[in-house]
PDB file of N, CA and C in Angstrom:
ATOM      1  N   UNK A   1     111.370 108.173  81.448  1.00  0.00           N
ATOM      2  CA  UNK A   1     110.726 107.065  81.547  1.00  0.00           C
ATOM      3  C   UNK A   1     109.997 107.471  82.755  1.00  0.00           C
ATOM      4  N   UNK A   2     109.947 108.446  83.632  1.00  0.00           N
ATOM      5  CA  UNK A   2     109.095 109.338  84.225  1.00  0.00           C
ATOM      6  C   UNK A   2     108.243 109.691  83.627  1.00  0.00           C
ATOM      7  N   UNK A   3     107.653 110.415  81.775  1.00  0.00           N
ATOM      8  CA  UNK A   3     106.770 110.982  81.442  1.00  0.00           C
ATOM      9  C   UNK A   3     106.520 109.341  80.556  1.00  0.00           C
ATOM     10  N   UNK A   4     106.755 108.441  80.376  1.00  0.00           N
ATOM     11  CA  UNK A   4     106.992 107.255  79.543  1.00  0.00           C
ATOM     12  C   UNK A   4     105.651 106.470  80.410  1.00  0.00           C
ATOM     13  N   UNK A   5     106.312 106.130  81.952  1.00  0.00           N
ATOM     14  CA  UNK A   5     104.893 106.098  82.992  1.00  0.00           C
ATOM     15  C   UNK A   5     103.746 106.451  83.309  1.00  0.00           C
ATOM     16  N   UNK A   6     103.827 108.076  83.410  1.00  0.00           N
ATOM     17  CA  UNK A   6     103.177 108.887  83.065  1.00  0.00           C
ATOM     18  C   UNK A   6     101.315 108.720  82.845  1.00  0.00           C
ATOM     19  N   UNK A   7     102.442 108.444  80.850  1.00  0.00           N
ATOM     20  CA  UNK A   7     101.188 108.251  79.843  1.00  0.00           C
ATOM     21  C   UNK A   7     100.833 106.885  80.007  1.00  0.00           C
ATOM     22  N   UNK A   8     101.670 105.971  79.897  1.00  0.00           N
ATOM     23  CA  UNK A   8     101.013 104.378  80.709  1.00  0.00           C
ATOM     24  C   UNK A   8      99.661 104.455  81.226  1.00  0.00           C
ATOM     25  N   UNK A   9      99.840 105.072  82.154  1.00  0.00           N
ATOM     26  CA  UNK A   9      98.948 105.463  82.985  1.00  0.00           C
ATOM     27  C   UNK A   9      97.246 106.165  82.899  1.00  0.00           C
ATOM     28  N   UNK A  10      97.464 106.693  81.408  1.00  0.00           N
ATOM     29  CA  UNK A  10      95.910 108.368  81.558  1.00  0.00           C
ATOM     30  C   UNK A  10      94.861 107.387  80.579  1.00  0.00           C
ATOM     31  N   UNK A  11      95.233 106.306  80.220  1.00  0.00           N
ATOM     32  CA  UNK A  11      94.159 105.254  80.338  1.00  0.00           C
ATOM     33  C   UNK A  11      92.960 105.183  81.318  1.00  0.00           C
ATOM     34  N   UNK A  12      94.036 104.484  82.718  1.00  0.00           N
ATOM     35  CA  UNK A  12      93.270 104.152  83.790  1.00  0.00           C
ATOM     36  C   UNK A  12      93.084 105.531  84.681  1.00  0.00           C
ATOM     37  N   UNK A  13      93.705 106.601  84.341  1.00  0.00           N
ATOM     38  CA  UNK A  13      93.120 107.489  85.167  1.00  0.00           C
ATOM     39  C   UNK A  13      91.847 108.033  84.650  1.00  0.00           C
ATOM     40  N   UNK A  14      92.065 107.987  83.257  1.00  0.00           N
ATOM     41  CA  UNK A  14      90.613 107.998  83.004  1.00  0.00           C
ATOM     42  C   UNK A  14      89.555 107.249  82.899  1.00  0.00           C
ATOM     43  N   UNK A  15      89.507 105.492  82.634  1.00  0.00           N
ATOM     44  CA  UNK A  15      88.604 105.243  83.364  1.00  0.00           C
ATOM     45  C   UNK A  15      88.164 105.435  85.071  1.00  0.00           C
ATOM     46  N   UNK A  16      88.783 105.683  85.724  1.00  0.00           N
ATOM     47  CA  UNK A  16      89.150 105.787  87.383  1.00  0.00           C
ATOM     48  C   UNK A  16      88.380 106.141  87.520  1.00  0.00           C
ATOM     49  N   UNK A  17      88.420 107.371  86.930  1.00  0.00           N
ATOM     50  CA  UNK A  17      87.907 108.964  87.234  1.00  0.00           C
ATOM     51  C   UNK A  17      85.784 108.547  86.414  1.00  0.00           C
ATOM     52  N   UNK A  18      86.254 108.058  84.995  1.00  0.00           N
ATOM     53  CA  UNK A  18      84.627 108.206  84.740  1.00  0.00           C
ATOM     54  C   UNK A  18      83.659 107.118  85.312  1.00  0.00           C
ATOM     55  N   UNK A  19      83.842 105.862  86.105  1.00  0.00           N
ATOM     56  CA  UNK A  19      83.745 104.898  87.076  1.00  0.00           C
ATOM     57  C   UNK A  19      83.593 105.346  88.122  1.00  0.00           C
ATOM     58  N   UNK A  20      84.228 106.014  88.730  1.00  0.00           N
ATOM     59  CA  UNK A  20      84.315 106.781  90.261  1.00  0.00           C
ATOM     60  C   UNK A  20      85.253 105.283  90.921  1.00  0.00           C
ATOM     61  N   UNK A  21      86.393 104.581  89.606  1.00  0.00           N
ATOM     62  CA  UNK A  21      86.966 103.493  90.844  1.00  0.00           C
ATOM     63  C   UNK A  21      88.454 104.152  91.666  1.00  0.00           C
ATOM     64  N   UNK A  22      88.714 103.519  92.122  1.00  0.00           N
ATOM     65  CA  UNK A  22      90.557 103.826  92.801  1.00  0.00           C
ATOM     66  C   UNK A  22      91.841 102.881  92.209  1.00  0.00           C
ATOM     67  N   UNK A  23      92.645 103.071  92.080  1.00  0.00           N
ATOM     68  CA  UNK A  23      93.688 102.471  92.360  1.00  0.00           C
ATOM     69  C   UNK A  23      94.193 102.144  92.920  1.00  0.00           C
ATOM     70  N   UNK A  24      94.738 100.791  92.667  1.00  0.00           N
ATOM     71  CA  UNK A  24      94.908  99.775  93.707  1.00  0.00           C
ATOM     72  C   UNK A  24      96.647  98.940  93.312  1.00  0.00           C
ATOM     73  N   UNK A  25      97.458  98.943  94.195  1.00  0.00           N
ATOM     74  CA  UNK A  25      98.618  98.003  94.221  1.00  0.00           C
ATOM     75  C   UNK A  25      98.756  97.280  94.896  1.00  0.00           C
ATOM     76  N   UNK A  26      98.194  95.754  95.049  1.00  0.00           N
ATOM     77  CA  UNK A  26      98.447  94.577  94.991  1.00  0.00           C
ATOM     78  C   UNK A  26     100.201  94.252  95.813  1.00  0.00           C
ATOM     79  N   UNK A  27     100.721  94.337  95.163  1.00  0.00           N
ATOM     80  CA  UNK A  27     102.051  94.045  95.941  1.00  0.00           C
ATOM     81  C   UNK A  27     102.295  94.684  97.174  1.00  0.00           C
ATOM     82  N   UNK A  28     101.413  95.806  97.510  1.00  0.00           N
ATOM     83  CA  UNK A  28     101.870  97.275  98.736  1.00  0.00           C
ATOM     84  C   UNK A  28     100.849  96.897  99.270  1.00  0.00           C
ATOM     85  N   UNK A  29      99.284  96.085  98.720  1.00  0.00           N
ATOM     86  CA  UNK A  29      98.117  96.169  99.400  1.00  0.00           C
ATOM     87  C   UNK A  29      97.688  98.054  99.295  1.00  0.00           C
ATOM     88  N   UNK A  30      98.162  99.158  98.337  1.00  0.00           N
ATOM     89  CA  UNK A  30      97.783 100.322  98.673  1.00  0.00           C
ATOM     90  C   UNK A  30      96.511 100.813  97.779  1.00  0.00           C
ATOM     91  N   UNK A  31      95.969 101.300  98.812  1.00  0.00           N
ATOM     92  CA  UNK A  31      94.548 101.667  97.536  1.00  0.00           C
ATOM     93  C   UNK A  31      94.693 103.837  97.793  1.00  0.00           C
ATOM     94  N   UNK A  32      94.431 104.152  96.356  1.00  0.00           N
ATOM     95  CA  UNK A  32      94.393 105.952  96.430  1.00  0.00           C
ATOM     96  C   UNK A  32      93.170 106.087  95.640  1.00  0.00           C
ATOM     97  N   UNK A  33      92.636 106.892  95.536  1.00  0.00           N
ATOM     98  CA  UNK A  33      91.379 107.560  94.869  1.00  0.00           C
ATOM     99  C   UNK A  33      92.328 108.518  93.305  1.00  0.00           C
ATOM    100  N   UNK A  34      92.061 109.017  92.552  1.00  0.00           N
ATOM    101  CA  UNK A  34      92.919 109.127  90.916  1.00  0.00           C
ATOM    102  C   UNK A  34      93.737 110.606  91.635  1.00  0.00           C
ATOM    103  N   UNK A  35      93.189 111.710  92.857  1.00  0.00           N
ATOM    104  CA  UNK A  35      93.040 112.884  93.064  1.00  0.00           C
ATOM    105  C   UNK A  35      94.709 112.070  93.925  1.00  0.00           C
ATOM    106  N   UNK A  36      94.599 111.621  94.441  1.00  0.00           N
ATOM    107  CA  UNK A  36      95.367 111.524  96.064  1.00  0.00           C
ATOM    108  C   UNK A  36      97.044 110.809  94.679  1.00  0.00           C
ATOM    109  N   UNK A  37      96.518 109.541  94.150  1.00  0.00           N
ATOM    110  CA  UNK A  37      97.673 109.302  92.712  1.00  0.00           C
ATOM    111  C   UNK A  37      98.323 110.055  92.510  1.00  0.00           C
ATOM    112  N   UNK A  38      97.649 110.971  91.901  1.00  0.00           N
ATOM    113  CA  UNK A  38      98.060 112.433  90.933  1.00  0.00           C
ATOM    114  C   UNK A  38      98.876 113.012  92.039  1.00  0.00           C
ATOM    115  N   UNK A  39      98.445 113.739  92.807  1.00  0.00           N
ATOM    116  CA  UNK A  39      99.473 114.235  94.117  1.00  0.00           C
ATOM    117  C   UNK A  39     100.591 113.685  94.351  1.00  0.00           C
ATOM    118  N   UNK A  40     100.466 112.392  94.897  1.00  0.00           N
ATOM    119  CA  UNK A  40     101.774 112.001  95.143  1.00  0.00           C
ATOM    120  C   UNK A  40     102.463 112.160  93.722  1.00  0.00           C
ATOM    121  N   UNK A  41     102.078 111.411  92.448  1.00  0.00           N
ATOM    122  CA  UNK A  41     103.072 110.874  91.964  1.00  0.00           C
ATOM    123  C   UNK A  41     103.506 112.532  91.515  1.00  0.00           C
ATOM    124  N   UNK A  42     103.087 113.694  91.346  1.00  0.00           N
ATOM    125  CA  UNK A  42     103.793 115.303  91.100  1.00  0.00           C
ATOM    126  C   UNK A  42     104.364 115.525  92.374  1.00  0.00           C
ATOM    127  N   UNK A  43     104.304 114.901  93.277  1.00  0.00           N
ATOM    128  CA  UNK A  43     105.294 114.795  94.501  1.00  0.00           C
ATOM    129  C   UNK A  43     106.828 114.231  93.611  1.00  0.00           C
ATOM    130  N   UNK A  44     106.540 112.857  92.256  1.00  0.00           N
ATOM    131  CA  UNK A  44     107.342 111.879  92.852  1.00  0.00           C
ATOM    132  C   UNK A  44     107.469 110.406  93.431  1.00  0.00           C
ATOM    133  N   UNK A  45     106.287 110.544  93.952  1.00  0.00           N
ATOM    134  CA  UNK A  45     106.134 109.046  94.207  1.00  0.00           C
ATOM    135  C   UNK A  45     105.072 108.516  93.876  1.00  0.00           C
ATOM    136  N   UNK A  46     105.478 106.903  94.033  1.00  0.00           N
ATOM    137  CA  UNK A  46     104.895 106.043  93.738  1.00  0.00           C
ATOM    138  C   UNK A  46     104.252 105.821  91.834  1.00  0.00           C
ATOM    139  N   UNK A  47     105.531 106.380  91.509  1.00  0.00           N
ATOM    140  CA  UNK A  47     105.926 106.080  90.104  1.00  0.00           C
ATOM    141  C   UNK A  47     105.815 105.033  89.655  1.00  0.00           C
ATOM    142  N   UNK A  48     105.109 104.171  89.338  1.00  0.00           N
ATOM    143  CA  UNK A  48     104.514 102.918  88.957  1.00  0.00           C
ATOM    144  C   UNK A  48     103.814 102.314  87.436  1.00  0.00           C
ATOM    145  N   UNK A  49     104.728 101.722  86.278  1.00  0.00           N
ATOM    146  CA  UNK A  49     103.944 102.065  85.344  1.00  0.00           C
ATOM    147  C   UNK A  49     102.553 101.035  85.744  1.00  0.00           C
ATOM    148  N   UNK A  50     101.566 100.747  84.195  1.00  0.00           N
ATOM    149  CA  UNK A  50     100.637 100.429  84.496  1.00  0.00           C
ATOM    150  C   UNK A  50     100.416  99.199  84.976  1.00  0.00           C
ATOM    151  N   UNK A  51     101.134  98.220  84.808  1.00  0.00           N
ATOM    152  CA  UNK A  51     101.303  96.956  85.090  1.00  0.00           C
ATOM    153  C   UNK A  51     100.748  96.457  86.151  1.00  0.00           C
ATOM    154  N   UNK A  52     101.539  97.936  87.133  1.00  0.00           N
ATOM    155  CA  UNK A  52     101.231  97.379  88.771  1.00  0.00           C
ATOM    156  C   UNK A  52      99.823  98.216  89.678  1.00  0.00           C
ATOM    157  N   UNK A  53      99.100  98.726  88.431  1.00  0.00           N
ATOM    158  CA  UNK A  53      97.759  99.321  89.156  1.00  0.00           C
ATOM    159  C   UNK A  53      96.410  98.214  88.905  1.00  0.00           C
ATOM    160  N   UNK A  54      95.412  98.152  89.652  1.00  0.00           N
ATOM    161  CA  UNK A  54      94.589  97.533  89.128  1.00  0.00           C
ATOM    162  C   UNK A  54      93.682  98.979  89.680  1.00  0.00           C
ATOM    163  N   UNK A  55      92.450  99.220  88.894  1.00  0.00           N
ATOM    164  CA  UNK A  55      91.407 100.443  89.291  1.00  0.00           C
ATOM    165  C   UNK A  55      90.608  99.478  89.804  1.00  0.00           C
ATOM    166  N   UNK A  56      89.422  99.434  90.943  1.00  0.00           N
ATOM    167  CA  UNK A  56      88.824  98.643  91.515  1.00  0.00           C
ATOM    168  C   UNK A  56      87.639  99.977  92.458  1.00  0.00           C
ATOM    169  N   UNK A  57      86.173  98.966  92.969  1.00  0.00           N
ATOM    170  CA  UNK A  57      85.830 100.114  93.337  1.00  0.00           C
ATOM    171  C   UNK A  57      86.341 100.172  95.313  1.00  0.00           C
ATOM    172  N   UNK A  58      86.720 101.675  95.339  1.00  0.00           N
ATOM    173  CA  UNK A  58      86.564 101.846  96.895  1.00  0.00           C
ATOM    174  C   UNK A  58      85.787 100.938  97.334  1.00  0.00           C
ATOM    175  N   UNK A  59      84.650 100.453  97.383  1.00  0.00           N
ATOM    176  CA  UNK A  59      83.686  99.806  97.995  1.00  0.00           C
ATOM    177  C   UNK A  59      84.821  98.450  98.882  1.00  0.00           C
ATOM    178  N   UNK A  60      85.738  98.486  97.685  1.00  0.00           N
ATOM    179  CA  UNK A  60      85.578  96.997  97.783  1.00  0.00           C
ATOM    180  C   UNK A  60      86.632  96.942  98.857  1.00  0.00           C
ATOM    181  N   UNK A  61      87.689  98.217  99.293  1.00  0.00           N
ATOM    182  CA  UNK A  61      88.224  98.283 100.652  1.00  0.00           C
ATOM    183  C   UNK A  61      87.549  97.973 101.490  1.00  0.00           C
ATOM    184  N   UNK A  62      85.936  98.971 101.763  1.00  0.00           N
ATOM    185  CA  UNK A  62      85.890  99.438 102.530  1.00  0.00           C
ATOM    186  C   UNK A  62      84.974  98.224 103.287  1.00  0.00           C
ATOM    187  N   UNK A  63      84.233  97.285 102.543  1.00  0.00           N
ATOM    188  CA  UNK A  63      84.323  95.936 102.875  1.00  0.00           C
ATOM    189  C   UNK A  63      85.268  95.134 103.049  1.00  0.00           C
ATOM    190  N   UNK A  64      86.565  95.422 102.889  1.00  0.00           N
ATOM    191  CA  UNK A  64      87.857  94.742 103.343  1.00  0.00           C
ATOM    192  C   UNK A  64      87.974  95.127 105.320  1.00  0.00           C
ATOM    193  N   UNK A  65      87.554  96.486 105.259  1.00  0.00           N
ATOM    194  CA  UNK A  65      88.109  97.555 106.158  1.00  0.00           C
ATOM    195  C   UNK A  65      86.308  96.667 107.809  1.00  0.00           C
ATOM    196  N   UNK A  66      85.815  96.669 107.314  1.00  0.00           N
ATOM    197  CA  UNK A  66      84.426  96.081 108.294  1.00  0.00           C
ATOM    198  C   UNK A  66      84.487  95.167 108.752  1.00  0.00           C
ATOM    199  N   UNK A  67      85.336  93.783 107.989  1.00  0.00           N
ATOM    200  CA  UNK A  67      85.401  92.880 107.992  1.00  0.00           C
ATOM    201  C   UNK A  67      86.519  92.716 109.411  1.00  0.00           C
ATOM    202  N   UNK A  68      87.715  93.284 109.283  1.00  0.00           N
ATOM    203  CA  UNK A  68      89.109  93.372 109.694  1.00  0.00           C
ATOM    204  C   UNK A  68      88.370  93.374 111.196  1.00  0.00           C
ATOM    205  N   UNK A  69      87.751  94.834 110.957  1.00  0.00           N
ATOM    206  CA  UNK A  69      86.193  95.652 112.563  1.00  0.00           C
ATOM    207  C   UNK A  69      86.176  94.761 113.460  1.00  0.00           C
ATOM    208  N   UNK A  70      84.983  93.742 112.224  1.00  0.00           N
ATOM    209  CA  UNK A  70      84.359  92.697 112.703  1.00  0.00           C
ATOM    210  C   UNK A  70      84.907  91.699 113.770  1.00  0.00           C
ATOM    211  N   UNK A  71      86.424  91.036 112.678  1.00  0.00           N
ATOM    212  CA  UNK A  71      87.289  90.118 113.602  1.00  0.00           C
ATOM    213  C   UNK A  71      87.775  91.051 114.472  1.00  0.00           C
ATOM    214  N   UNK A  72      87.816  92.025 114.700  1.00  0.00           N
ATOM    215  CA  UNK A  72      89.318  92.505 115.570  1.00  0.00           C
ATOM    216  C   UNK A  72      87.942  92.553 117.097  1.00  0.00           C
ATOM    217  N   UNK A  73      87.098  93.217 116.938  1.00  0.00           N
ATOM    218  CA  UNK A  73      85.684  92.998 117.711  1.00  0.00           C
ATOM    219  C   UNK A  73      84.960  91.627 117.970  1.00  0.00           C
ATOM    220  N   UNK A  74      85.325  90.243 117.226  1.00  0.00           N
ATOM    221  CA  UNK A  74      85.389  88.897 118.283  1.00  0.00           C
ATOM    222  C   UNK A  74      86.731  89.153 119.038  1.00  0.00           C
ATOM    223  N   UNK A  75      87.372  89.407 118.810  1.00  0.00           N
ATOM    224  CA  UNK A  75      88.670  89.219 119.083  1.00  0.00           C
ATOM    225  C   UNK A  75      88.556  89.877 121.280  1.00  0.00           C
ATOM    226  N   UNK A  76      88.061  91.089 120.388  1.00  0.00           N
ATOM    227  CA  UNK A  76      88.141  91.953 122.026  1.00  0.00           C
ATOM    228  C   UNK A  76      86.741  91.396 122.824  1.00  0.00           C
ATOM    229  N   UNK A  77      85.544  90.952 122.797  1.00  0.00           N
ATOM    230  CA  UNK A  77      85.068  90.323 123.412  1.00  0.00           C
ATOM    231  C   UNK A  77      85.938  88.599 123.522  1.00  0.00           C
ATOM    232  N   UNK A  78      86.287  88.002 123.312  1.00  0.00           N
ATOM    233  CA  UNK A  78      86.981  86.781 123.763  1.00  0.00           C
ATOM    234  C   UNK A  78      87.711  86.924 124.821  1.00  0.00           C
ATOM    235  N   UNK A  79      88.892  87.290 124.123  1.00  0.00           N
ATOM    236  CA  UNK A  79      89.566  88.190 125.448  1.00  0.00           C
ATOM    237  C   UNK A  79      89.066  88.696 126.642  1.00  0.00           C
ATOM    238  N   UNK A  80      88.485  89.692 126.573  1.00  0.00           N
ATOM    239  CA  UNK A  80      87.861  89.940 127.733  1.00  0.00           C
ATOM    240  C   UNK A  80      86.281  88.849 128.519  1.00  0.00           C
ATOM    241  N   UNK A  81      86.268  87.901 127.638  1.00  0.00           N
ATOM    242  CA  UNK A  81      85.744  86.757 128.533  1.00  0.00           C
ATOM    243  C   UNK A  81      86.583  85.961 129.339  1.00  0.00           C
ATOM    244  N   UNK A  82      87.766  86.059 128.637  1.00  0.00           N
ATOM    245  CA  UNK A  82      89.075  85.165 129.142  1.00  0.00           C
ATOM    246  C   UNK A  82      89.334  85.965 129.474  1.00  0.00           C
ATOM    247  N   UNK A  83      89.444  87.299 130.267  1.00  0.00           N
ATOM    248  CA  UNK A  83      89.830  88.066 131.735  1.00  0.00           C
ATOM    249  C   UNK A  83      88.770  87.704 132.694  1.00  0.00           C
ATOM    250  N   UNK A  84      87.680  86.978 132.659  1.00  0.00           N
ATOM    251  CA  UNK A  84      86.558  87.491 133.708  1.00  0.00           C
ATOM    252  C   UNK A  84      87.425  86.071 134.962  1.00  0.00           C
TER     253      UNK A  84
END
């Protein structure tokens, strides 16, 4: 089973490395570089078939984090004003 899973991921790893993309699991909201995922899988973790992964630009995640940061900053500003 483990070998079948790893084999199903080979094309994704090749694509990810060639195009500088990362692995994304929408079910868990997890992001891993190809190197990170390989390391975890060597430890027996995140052994999920290709159907569970998308390869996406890590810039997508960075953009999401920037939006979250902006939202938090706005919440802090609003809350501070309420404290005045």
